[in-house]
All heavy atoms as atom14 arrays in JSON, in Angstrom:
{
  "sequence": "TPGGKWNQYEVKADRGHLQLFQNGHKIIDTHLW",
  "atom14_mask": [
    [1, 1, 1, 1, 1, 1, 1, 0, 0, 0, 0, 0, 0, 0],
    [1, 1, 1, 1, 1, 1, 1, 0, 0, 0, 0, 0, 0, 0],
    [1, 1, 1, 1, 0, 0, 0, 0, 0, 0, 0, 0, 0, 0],
    [1, 1, 1, 1, 0, 0, 0, 0, 0, 0, 0, 0, 0, 0],
    [1, 1, 1, 1, 1, 1, 1, 1, 1, 0, 0, 0, 0, 0],
    [1, 1, 1, 1, 1, 1, 1, 1, 1, 1, 1, 1, 1, 1],
    [1, 1, 1, 1, 1, 1, 1, 1, 0, 0, 0, 0, 0, 0],
    [1, 1, 1, 1, 1, 1, 1, 1, 1, 0, 0, 0, 0, 0],
    [1, 1, 1, 1, 1, 1, 1, 1, 1, 1, 1, 1, 0, 0],
    [1, 1, 1, 1, 1, 1, 1, 1, 1, 0, 0, 0, 0, 0],
    [1, 1, 1, 1, 1, 1, 1, 0, 0, 0, 0, 0, 0, 0],
    [1, 1, 1, 1, 1, 1, 1, 1, 1, 0, 0, 0, 0, 0],
    [1, 1, 1, 1, 1, 0, 0, 0, 0, 0, 0, 0, 0, 0],
    [1, 1, 1, 1, 1, 1, 1, 1, 0, 0, 0, 0, 0, 0],
    [1, 1, 1, 1, 1, 1, 1, 1, 1, 1, 1, 0, 0, 0],
    [1, 1, 1, 1, 0, 0, 0, 0, 0, 0, 0, 0, 0, 0],
    [1, 1, 1, 1, 1, 1, 1, 1, 1, 1, 0, 0, 0, 0],
    [1, 1, 1, 1, 1, 1, 1, 1, 0, 0, 0, 0, 0, 0],
    [1, 1, 1, 1, 1, 1, 1, 1, 1, 0, 0, 0, 0, 0],
    [1, 1, 1, 1, 1, 1, 1, 1, 0, 0, 0, 0, 0, 0],
    [1, 1, 1, 1, 1, 1, 1, 1, 1, 1, 1, 0, 0, 0],
    [1, 1, 1, 1, 1, 1, 1, 1, 1, 0, 0, 0, 0, 0],
    [1, 1, 1, 1, 1, 1, 1, 1, 0, 0, 0, 0, 0, 0],
    [1, 1, 1, 1, 0, 0, 0, 0, 0, 0, 0, 0, 0, 0],
    [1, 1, 1, 1, 1, 1, 1, 1, 1, 1, 0, 0, 0, 0],
    [1, 1, 1, 1, 1, 1, 1, 1, 1, 0, 0, 0, 0, 0],
    [1, 1, 1, 1, 1, 1, 1, 1, 0, 0, 0, 0, 0, 0],
    [1, 1, 1, 1, 1, 1, 1, 1, 0, 0, 0, 0, 0, 0],
    [1, 1, 1, 1, 1, 1, 1, 1, 0, 0, 0, 0, 0, 0],
    [1, 1, 1, 1, 1, 1, 1, 0, 0, 0, 0, 0, 0, 0],
    [1, 1, 1, 1, 1, 1, 1, 1, 1, 1, 0, 0, 0, 0],
    [1, 1, 1, 1, 1, 1, 1, 1, 0, 0, 0, 0, 0, 0],
    [1, 1, 1, 1, 1, 1, 1, 1, 1, 1, 1, 1, 1, 1]
  ],
  "atom14_positions": [
    [[10.75, 0.01, 7.9], [11.84, 0.47, 8.72], [11.75, -0.4, 10.02], [10.83, -1.01, 10.41], [11.91, 1.92, 9.13], [10.7, 2.19, 10.0], [11.9, 2.86, 7.91], [0.0, 0.0, 0.0], [0.0, 0.0, 0.0], [0.0, 0.0, 0.0], [0.0, 0.0, 0.0], [0.0, 0.0, 0.0], [0.0, 0.0, 0.0], [0.0, 0.0, 0.0]],
    [[12.96, -0.44, 10.84], [13.01, -1.24, 12.04], [12.03, -0.68, 12.98], [11.57, 0.53, 13.01], [14.43, -1.0, 12.49], [15.17, -0.69, 11.28], [14.31, 0.08, 10.47], [0.0, 0.0, 0.0], [0.0, 0.0, 0.0], [0.0, 0.0, 0.0], [0.0, 0.0, 0.0], [0.0, 0.0, 0.0], [0.0, 0.0, 0.0], [0.0, 0.0, 0.0]],
    [[11.63, -1.55, 14.04], [10.76, -1.09, 15.15], [11.24, 0.18, 15.83], [12.31, 0.5, 16.0], [0.0, 0.0, 0.0], [0.0, 0.0, 0.0], [0.0, 0.0, 0.0], [0.0, 0.0, 0.0], [0.0, 0.0, 0.0], [0.0, 0.0, 0.0], [0.0, 0.0, 0.0], [0.0, 0.0, 0.0], [0.0, 0.0, 0.0], [0.0, 0.0, 0.0]],
    [[10.14, 1.02, 16.07], [10.45, 2.26, 16.7], [10.63, 3.56, 15.78], [10.67, 4.63, 16.26], [0.0, 0.0, 0.0], [0.0, 0.0, 0.0], [0.0, 0.0, 0.0], [0.0, 0.0, 0.0], [0.0, 0.0, 0.0], [0.0, 0.0, 0.0], [0.0, 0.0, 0.0], [0.0, 0.0, 0.0], [0.0, 0.0, 0.0], [0.0, 0.0, 0.0]],
    [[10.56, 3.18, 14.48], [10.65, 4.25, 13.43], [9.4, 4.46, 12.64], [8.58, 3.38, 12.55], [11.77, 4.08, 12.47], [13.24, 4.06, 13.21], [14.33, 3.86, 12.17], [15.58, 3.85, 12.81], [15.94, 5.25, 13.44], [0.0, 0.0, 0.0], [0.0, 0.0, 0.0], [0.0, 0.0, 0.0], [0.0, 0.0, 0.0], [0.0, 0.0, 0.0]],
    [[9.09, 5.66, 12.22], [7.89, 5.87, 11.48], [7.84, 5.31, 10.08], [8.88, 5.32, 9.36], [7.58, 7.4, 11.38], [7.1, 7.9, 12.79], [7.8, 8.71, 13.57], [5.77, 7.83, 13.32], [7.12, 9.06, 14.73], [5.81, 8.52, 14.54], [4.55, 7.2, 13.02], [4.73, 8.62, 15.35], [3.45, 7.2, 13.87], [3.69, 7.91, 14.99]],
    [[6.74, 4.76, 9.67], [6.49, 4.24, 8.28], [5.24, 4.88, 7.75], [4.35, 5.29, 8.5], [6.42, 2.87, 8.35], [7.52, 2.0, 8.77], [8.42, 1.69, 7.95], [7.59, 1.8, 10.09], [0.0, 0.0, 0.0], [0.0, 0.0, 0.0], [0.0, 0.0, 0.0], [0.0, 0.0, 0.0], [0.0, 0.0, 0.0], [0.0, 0.0, 0.0]],
    [[5.12, 4.98, 6.42], [3.93, 5.24, 5.85], [3.29, 4.28, 4.97], [3.99, 3.71, 4.17], [4.06, 6.64, 4.9], [2.77, 7.12, 4.41], [2.81, 8.19, 3.25], [3.25, 7.86, 2.21], [2.63, 9.46, 3.58], [0.0, 0.0, 0.0], [0.0, 0.0, 0.0], [0.0, 0.0, 0.0], [0.0, 0.0, 0.0], [0.0, 0.0, 0.0]],
    [[1.95, 3.96, 5.17], [1.29, 3.03, 4.41], [0.28, 3.87, 3.5], [-0.24, 4.94, 3.93], [0.48, 2.15, 5.2], [1.25, 0.8, 5.59], [2.6, 0.67, 5.25], [0.65, -0.24, 6.23], [3.31, -0.41, 5.71], [1.34, -1.39, 6.54], [2.59, -1.5, 6.35], [3.35, -2.53, 6.73], [0.0, 0.0, 0.0], [0.0, 0.0, 0.0]],
    [[-0.05, 3.52, 2.31], [-0.99, 4.11, 1.43], [-1.91, 2.89, 0.82], [-1.32, 1.95, 0.32], [-0.48, 4.88, 0.43], [-1.47, 5.51, -0.52], [-0.88, 6.51, -1.49], [0.5, 6.54, -1.56], [-1.68, 7.18, -2.27], [0.0, 0.0, 0.0], [0.0, 0.0, 0.0], [0.0, 0.0, 0.0], [0.0, 0.0, 0.0], [0.0, 0.0, 0.0]],
    [[-3.17, 3.06, 0.93], [-4.11, 2.15, 0.36], [-4.94, 2.71, -0.67], [-5.65, 3.77, -0.34], [-5.01, 1.36, 1.33], [-5.95, 0.52, 0.73], [-4.18, 0.66, 2.5], [0.0, 0.0, 0.0], [0.0, 0.0, 0.0], [0.0, 0.0, 0.0], [0.0, 0.0, 0.0], [0.0, 0.0, 0.0], [0.0, 0.0, 0.0], [0.0, 0.0, 0.0]],
    [[-4.87, 2.37, -1.91], [-5.75, 2.95, -2.95], [-6.78, 1.82, -3.41], [-6.24, 0.74, -3.87], [-4.92, 3.42, -4.17], [-4.25, 4.73, -3.95], [-3.51, 5.14, -5.32], [-2.85, 6.45, -5.14], [-2.24, 6.96, -6.41], [0.0, 0.0, 0.0], [0.0, 0.0, 0.0], [0.0, 0.0, 0.0], [0.0, 0.0, 0.0], [0.0, 0.0, 0.0]],
    [[-8.0, 2.06, -3.25], [-9.08, 1.16, -3.66], [-10.03, 1.9, -4.53], [-10.79, 2.75, -4.07], [-9.79, 0.53, -2.42], [0.0, 0.0, 0.0], [0.0, 0.0, 0.0], [0.0, 0.0, 0.0], [0.0, 0.0, 0.0], [0.0, 0.0, 0.0], [0.0, 0.0, 0.0], [0.0, 0.0, 0.0], [0.0, 0.0, 0.0], [0.0, 0.0, 0.0]],
    [[-10.03, 1.64, -5.81], [-10.88, 2.42, -6.81], [-11.62, 1.32, -7.66], [-11.04, 0.77, -8.57], [-9.9, 3.24, -7.58], [-10.71, 4.2, -8.48], [-11.97, 4.25, -8.3], [-10.11, 5.02, -9.31], [0.0, 0.0, 0.0], [0.0, 0.0, 0.0], [0.0, 0.0, 0.0], [0.0, 0.0, 0.0], [0.0, 0.0, 0.0], [0.0, 0.0, 0.0]],
    [[-12.86, 1.12, -7.35], [-13.69, 0.27, -8.16], [-13.08, -1.11, -8.42], [-13.14, -1.65, -9.46], [-14.09, 0.92, -9.44], [-14.91, 2.18, -9.21], [-14.9, 3.16, -10.44], [-15.6, 4.35, -10.12], [-15.17, 5.29, -9.45], [-13.95, 5.33, -8.97], [-15.91, 6.39, -9.18], [0.0, 0.0, 0.0], [0.0, 0.0, 0.0], [0.0, 0.0, 0.0]],
    [[-12.6, -1.65, -7.28], [-11.92, -2.98, -7.26], [-10.57, -3.02, -7.6], [-9.86, -4.04, -7.32], [0.0, 0.0, 0.0], [0.0, 0.0, 0.0], [0.0, 0.0, 0.0], [0.0, 0.0, 0.0], [0.0, 0.0, 0.0], [0.0, 0.0, 0.0], [0.0, 0.0, 0.0], [0.0, 0.0, 0.0], [0.0, 0.0, 0.0], [0.0, 0.0, 0.0]],
    [[-9.97, -1.97, -8.06], [-8.42, -1.93, -8.34], [-7.87, -1.53, -6.99], [-7.93, -0.44, -6.48], [-8.09, -0.94, -9.33], [-6.73, -0.86, -9.67], [-6.13, 0.12, -10.4], [-5.76, -1.81, -9.49], [-4.89, -0.12, -10.59], [-4.57, -1.28, -10.02], [0.0, 0.0, 0.0], [0.0, 0.0, 0.0], [0.0, 0.0, 0.0], [0.0, 0.0, 0.0]],
    [[-7.01, -2.44, -6.39], [-6.33, -2.26, -5.14], [-4.85, -2.09, -5.32], [-4.3, -2.91, -5.97], [-6.68, -3.44, -4.14], [-5.98, -3.44, -2.78], [-6.55, -2.17, -1.98], [-6.15, -4.65, -2.0], [0.0, 0.0, 0.0], [0.0, 0.0, 0.0], [0.0, 0.0, 0.0], [0.0, 0.0, 0.0], [0.0, 0.0, 0.0], [0.0, 0.0, 0.0]],
    [[-4.26, -0.95, -4.72], [-2.82, -0.83, -4.78], [-2.38, -0.47, -3.29], [-2.9, 0.4, -2.7], [-2.44, 0.36, -5.66], [-2.88, 0.11, -7.14], [-2.73, 1.43, -7.94], [-1.52, 1.55, -8.4], [-3.71, 2.21, -8.18], [0.0, 0.0, 0.0], [0.0, 0.0, 0.0], [0.0, 0.0, 0.0], [0.0, 0.0, 0.0], [0.0, 0.0, 0.0]],
    [[-1.28, -1.12, -2.89], [-0.74, -0.83, -1.62], [0.66, -0.24, -1.71], [1.45, -0.85, -2.58], [-0.74, -2.11, -0.9], [-1.97, -3.05, -0.61], [-1.82, -4.11, 0.34], [-3.1, -2.05, -0.03], [0.0, 0.0, 0.0], [0.0, 0.0, 0.0], [0.0, 0.0, 0.0], [0.0, 0.0, 0.0], [0.0, 0.0, 0.0], [0.0, 0.0, 0.0]],
    [[0.89, 0.66, -1.0], [2.31, 1.31, -0.91], [2.85, 1.39, 0.34], [2.11, 1.58, 1.36], [2.15, 2.82, -1.41], [1.52, 3.03, -2.93], [0.17, 2.86, -3.02], [2.32, 3.29, -3.97], [-0.4, 2.95, -4.41], [1.87, 3.42, -5.19], [0.46, 3.41, -5.45], [0.0, 0.0, 0.0], [0.0, 0.0, 0.0], [0.0, 0.0, 0.0]],
    [[4.18, 1.14, 0.47], [4.89, 1.19, 1.69], [6.1, 2.15, 1.55], [6.98, 1.92, 0.74], [5.36, -0.26, 1.95], [5.98, -0.54, 3.38], [6.51, -2.0, 3.47], [7.43, -2.34, 2.82], [5.69, -2.68, 4.24], [0.0, 0.0, 0.0], [0.0, 0.0, 0.0], [0.0, 0.0, 0.0], [0.0, 0.0, 0.0], [0.0, 0.0, 0.0]],
    [[6.0, 3.19, 2.37], [6.97, 4.27, 2.29], [7.29, 4.71, 0.91], [8.5, 4.92, 0.58], [8.28, 3.75, 3.01], [8.17, 3.56, 4.53], [7.52, 4.39, 5.15], [8.71, 2.63, 5.11], [0.0, 0.0, 0.0], [0.0, 0.0, 0.0], [0.0, 0.0, 0.0], [0.0, 0.0, 0.0], [0.0, 0.0, 0.0], [0.0, 0.0, 0.0]],
    [[6.22, 4.99, 0.14], [6.35, 5.51, -1.25], [6.57, 4.46, -2.33], [6.48, 4.83, -3.45], [0.0, 0.0, 0.0], [0.0, 0.0, 0.0], [0.0, 0.0, 0.0], [0.0, 0.0, 0.0], [0.0, 0.0, 0.0], [0.0, 0.0, 0.0], [0.0, 0.0, 0.0], [0.0, 0.0, 0.0], [0.0, 0.0, 0.0], [0.0, 0.0, 0.0]],
    [[6.69, 3.23, -1.93], [6.96, 2.19, -2.97], [5.75, 1.32, -3.07], [5.19, 0.85, -2.11], [8.12, 1.3, -2.56], [9.44, 1.97, -2.31], [10.33, 2.22, -3.25], [9.89, 2.51, -1.07], [11.3, 2.89, -2.72], [11.2, 3.01, -1.45], [0.0, 0.0, 0.0], [0.0, 0.0, 0.0], [0.0, 0.0, 0.0], [0.0, 0.0, 0.0]],
    [[5.22, 1.16, -4.41], [4.07, 0.26, -4.7], [4.61, -1.16, -4.46], [5.49, -1.66, -5.09], [3.54, 0.47, -6.12], [2.37, -0.34, -6.39], [1.93, -0.38, -7.77], [1.45, 0.96, -8.31], [0.9, 0.9, -9.66], [0.0, 0.0, 0.0], [0.0, 0.0, 0.0], [0.0, 0.0, 0.0], [0.0, 0.0, 0.0], [0.0, 0.0, 0.0]],
    [[3.91, -1.87, -3.62], [4.32, -3.25, -3.33], [3.31, -4.25, -3.65], [3.6, -5.48, -3.86], [4.63, -3.39, -1.85], [3.48, -3.0, -1.0], [5.92, -2.63, -1.56], [3.77, -3.19, 0.59], [0.0, 0.0, 0.0], [0.0, 0.0, 0.0], [0.0, 0.0, 0.0], [0.0, 0.0, 0.0], [0.0, 0.0, 0.0], [0.0, 0.0, 0.0]],
    [[2.0, -3.88, -3.9], [0.98, -4.78, -4.27], [0.01, -4.08, -5.28], [-0.33, -2.94, -4.91], [0.23, -5.38, -3.12], [1.07, -6.39, -2.29], [-1.13, -6.07, -3.63], [0.47, -6.98, -1.07], [0.0, 0.0, 0.0], [0.0, 0.0, 0.0], [0.0, 0.0, 0.0], [0.0, 0.0, 0.0], [0.0, 0.0, 0.0], [0.0, 0.0, 0.0]],
    [[-0.31, -4.7, -6.31], [-1.26, -4.16, -7.28], [-2.11, -5.38, -7.84], [-1.7, -6.29, -8.43], [-0.44, -3.6, -8.51], [-1.5, -2.72, -9.44], [-2.57, -3.04, -9.55], [-0.85, -1.74, -9.97], [0.0, 0.0, 0.0], [0.0, 0.0, 0.0], [0.0, 0.0, 0.0], [0.0, 0.0, 0.0], [0.0, 0.0, 0.0], [0.0, 0.0, 0.0]],
    [[-3.39, -5.26, -7.43], [-4.42, -6.38, -7.72], [-5.77, -5.93, -7.88], [-5.97, -4.73, -7.82], [-4.34, -7.46, -6.57], [-4.95, -8.68, -6.97], [-4.94, -6.9, -5.23], [0.0, 0.0, 0.0], [0.0, 0.0, 0.0], [0.0, 0.0, 0.0], [0.0, 0.0, 0.0], [0.0, 0.0, 0.0], [0.0, 0.0, 0.0], [0.0, 0.0, 0.0]],
    [[-6.61, -6.78, -8.18], [-8.04, -6.52, -8.36], [-8.9, -7.28, -7.46], [-8.67, -8.55, -7.25], [-8.53, -6.65, -9.79], [-8.0, -5.55, -10.78], [-6.68, -5.7, -11.27], [-8.57, -4.56, -11.25], [-6.47, -4.63, -12.09], [-7.67, -3.97, -11.92], [0.0, 0.0, 0.0], [0.0, 0.0, 0.0], [0.0, 0.0, 0.0], [0.0, 0.0, 0.0]],
    [[-9.84, -6.73, -6.8], [-10.82, -7.42, -5.85], [-11.89, -7.91, -6.68], [-12.35, -7.42, -7.69], [-11.21, -6.46, -4.76], [-10.12, -5.74, -3.99], [-10.8, -4.78, -3.02], [-9.31, -6.64, -3.37], [0.0, 0.0, 0.0], [0.0, 0.0, 0.0], [0.0, 0.0, 0.0], [0.0, 0.0, 0.0], [0.0, 0.0, 0.0], [0.0, 0.0, 0.0]],
    [[-12.56, -8.96, -6.14], [-13.9, -9.47, -6.46], [-14.07, -10.15, -7.9], [-15.18, -10.28, -8.26], [-14.97, -8.26, -6.31], [-14.9, -7.63, -5.0], [-14.78, -8.13, -3.75], [-14.73, -6.18, -4.8], [-14.71, -7.23, -2.85], [-14.62, -5.93, -3.37], [-14.7, -5.04, -5.63], [-14.48, -4.73, -2.86], [-14.55, -3.77, -5.08], [-14.54, -3.6, -3.72]]
  ]
}
């Protein structure tokens, strides 16, 4: 959202599986290492 409004981030890291969410939407799904 524009500056001054609240946003939610979520980071799921499970045994190298990384998922990033922005305001409820999955935006990145990758694997580490």
